Amino acid sequence: MIHALNGFARASAFRPARFPSLRLPGGLTLRGNAANDDCKAPIDHSIAATRFATTCAAVGGTTMLHDLMPDVVTVSFGPRTGEIWKRLRQRGWSFVGKGQWRDEPVLGVSFSGDRRAIRTADELADELIEVVREIEVAETRLW
């Protein structure tokens, strides 16, 4: 029985497959073996964007936008968007962009090209939570 299992484990179904190309959401195409480092990067960027977008969605009063690219997050925090952007920039998050979409202020964050995208997303999410907390405390204080 063990010999039969060993023979079965050596079958081609248990060997790593080589894919000539893999199509991802957003039009990205990965080429080569899925274990290569160059194939891992876009997936990490998508995971990072998803993690950051999940945090943004958990903050009250947000609108998630721009679902066209898997490594870009575009979000609106309503009237607080400008203040959040300003405070993030003051803390060194220079790659967080600000813009307009249908007369609504938005923040845009791209995780492409970041070697440590998941860590960056987690750190930015922590900073975003801190900034939103500060703004909410300031808004509720009686001066």
Protein backbone atom coordinates (compact mmCIF):
# COMPACT_ATOMS: atom_id res chain seq x y z
CA MET A 1 0.00 0.00 0.00
CA ILE A 2 2.76 2.48 0.91
CA HIS A 3 4.59 1.64 -2.33
CA ALA A 4 1.40 2.41 -4.26
CA LEU A 5 1.04 5.78 -2.50
CA ASN A 6 4.67 6.66 -3.18
CA GLY A 7 4.19 5.84 -6.82
CA PHE A 8 1.03 7.93 -6.89
CA ALA A 9 2.78 10.88 -5.23
CA ARG A 10 5.37 10.85 -8.02
CA ALA A 11 2.64 11.16 -10.62
CA SER A 12 2.50 14.32 -12.69
CA ALA A 13 -0.52 15.62 -10.74
CA PHE A 14 1.75 16.29 -7.74
CA ARG A 15 4.49 18.05 -9.65
CA PRO A 16 4.42 21.86 -9.87
CA ALA A 17 2.71 22.84 -13.07
CA ARG A 18 4.26 25.26 -15.53
CA PHE A 19 1.77 27.70 -16.96
CA PRO A 20 2.61 29.54 -20.17
CA SER A 21 0.42 32.44 -19.02
CA LEU A 22 -2.11 33.27 -16.35
CA ARG A 23 -4.79 35.92 -16.82
CA LEU A 24 -5.58 38.07 -13.76
CA PRO A 25 -8.41 40.54 -13.15
CA GLY A 26 -7.69 43.97 -14.57
CA GLY A 27 -5.99 42.65 -17.68
CA LEU A 28 -2.69 41.60 -16.05
CA THR A 29 -1.03 38.57 -17.60
CA LEU A 30 1.62 36.53 -15.80
CA ARG A 31 4.02 34.46 -17.86
CA GLY A 32 6.24 31.57 -16.87
CA ASN A 33 6.22 29.39 -13.80
CA ALA A 34 3.91 30.53 -11.00
CA ALA A 35 6.76 30.02 -8.50
CA ASN A 36 8.97 32.70 -10.08
CA ASP A 37 9.48 35.94 -8.16
CA ASP A 38 8.45 38.07 -11.12
CA CYS A 39 5.07 36.28 -11.14
CA LYS A 40 4.53 36.87 -7.43
CA ALA A 41 4.80 40.67 -7.43
CA PRO A 42 1.50 41.63 -9.14
CA ILE A 43 -0.40 39.22 -6.91
CA ASP A 44 1.20 40.78 -3.80
CA HIS A 45 0.21 44.22 -5.08
CA SER A 46 -3.38 43.07 -5.52
CA ILE A 47 -3.42 41.60 -2.03
CA ALA A 48 -2.01 44.84 -0.62
CA ALA A 49 -4.63 46.93 -2.41
CA THR A 50 -7.40 44.63 -1.21
CA ARG A 51 -6.19 44.82 2.40
CA PHE A 52 -6.00 48.61 2.30
CA ALA A 53 -9.40 48.89 0.57
CA THR A 54 -10.95 46.66 3.24
CA THR A 55 -9.67 48.99 5.96
CA CYS A 56 -10.95 52.03 4.08
CA ALA A 57 -14.38 50.43 3.67
CA ALA A 58 -14.54 49.79 7.42
CA VAL A 59 -14.12 53.51 8.15
CA GLY A 60 -17.52 55.16 8.35
CA GLY A 61 -18.65 57.50 5.59
CA THR A 62 -16.46 56.09 2.81
CA THR A 63 -17.17 55.48 -0.85
CA MET A 64 -14.98 52.97 -2.67
CA LEU A 65 -14.32 53.85 -6.32
CA HIS A 66 -12.21 52.72 -9.28
CA ASP A 67 -12.33 48.95 -9.46
CA LEU A 68 -10.49 48.86 -12.79
CA MET A 69 -6.99 47.94 -11.63
CA PRO A 70 -6.20 45.31 -9.00
CA ASP A 71 -3.35 47.31 -7.42
CA VAL A 72 -4.99 50.76 -7.16
CA VAL A 73 -7.39 51.96 -4.47
CA THR A 74 -9.52 55.07 -4.99
CA VAL A 75 -11.65 56.08 -2.04
CA SER A 76 -13.65 59.08 -0.86
CA PHE A 77 -14.14 59.99 2.78
CA GLY A 78 -16.63 62.69 1.88
CA PRO A 79 -15.86 66.16 3.22
CA ARG A 80 -13.03 64.76 5.38
CA THR A 81 -11.03 63.58 2.35
CA GLY A 82 -8.92 66.74 2.05
CA GLU A 83 -8.05 66.80 5.75
CA ILE A 84 -7.15 63.09 5.73
CA TRP A 85 -4.93 63.60 2.68
CA LYS A 86 -3.19 66.60 4.28
CA ARG A 87 -2.48 64.73 7.51
CA LEU A 88 -1.20 61.64 5.68
CA ARG A 89 1.15 63.82 3.60
CA GLN A 90 2.42 65.55 6.75
CA ARG A 91 3.31 62.13 8.15
CA GLY A 92 5.38 61.20 5.11
CA TRP A 93 2.90 59.30 2.93
CA SER A 94 3.83 61.23 -0.21
CA PHE A 95 2.52 58.64 -2.69
CA VAL A 96 -1.10 59.11 -1.54
CA GLY A 97 -2.71 61.23 -4.24
CA LYS A 98 -5.68 63.56 -4.11
CA GLY A 99 -8.10 64.27 -6.92
CA GLN A 100 -11.70 64.72 -7.98
CA TRP A 101 -14.18 62.22 -9.34
CA ARG A 102 -17.64 63.49 -10.32
CA ASP A 103 -17.14 66.61 -8.16
CA GLU A 104 -16.24 64.48 -5.16
CA PRO A 105 -12.77 64.61 -3.54
CA VAL A 106 -10.95 61.27 -3.62
CA LEU A 107 -7.70 59.72 -2.46
CA GLY A 108 -5.78 57.43 -4.78
CA VAL A 109 -3.17 54.90 -3.71
CA SER A 110 -1.23 52.66 -6.08
CA PHE A 111 0.70 49.70 -4.74
CA SER A 112 2.37 48.79 -8.04
CA GLY A 113 6.14 48.86 -8.01
CA ASP A 114 6.34 48.53 -4.23
CA ARG A 115 8.55 45.61 -3.23
CA ARG A 116 6.98 45.46 0.21
CA ALA A 117 3.44 46.30 -0.86
CA ILE A 118 1.64 44.28 1.80
CA ARG A 119 3.66 45.81 4.62
CA THR A 120 3.15 49.28 3.12
CA ALA A 121 -0.61 48.68 2.91
CA ASP A 122 -0.77 47.56 6.53
CA GLU A 123 1.29 50.53 7.75
CA LEU A 124 -0.77 52.98 5.69
CA ALA A 125 -4.00 51.43 7.00
CA ASP A 126 -2.78 51.85 10.59
CA GLU A 127 -1.88 55.47 9.88
CA LEU A 128 -5.23 56.09 8.21
CA ILE A 129 -7.09 54.75 11.25
CA GLU A 130 -5.04 57.03 13.50
CA VAL A 131 -5.73 60.09 11.30
CA VAL A 132 -9.47 59.39 11.16
CA ARG A 133 -9.52 58.93 14.93
CA GLU A 134 -7.77 62.28 15.44
CA ILE A 135 -10.20 64.05 13.12
CA GLU A 136 -13.23 62.50 14.83
CA VAL A 137 -11.92 63.48 18.27
CA ALA A 138 -11.32 67.05 17.07
CA GLU A 139 -14.85 67.22 15.56
CA THR A 140 -16.55 66.03 18.76
CA ARG A 141 -14.66 68.24 21.20
CA LEU A 142 -16.37 71.20 22.71
CA TRP A 143 -13.89 74.07 22.63
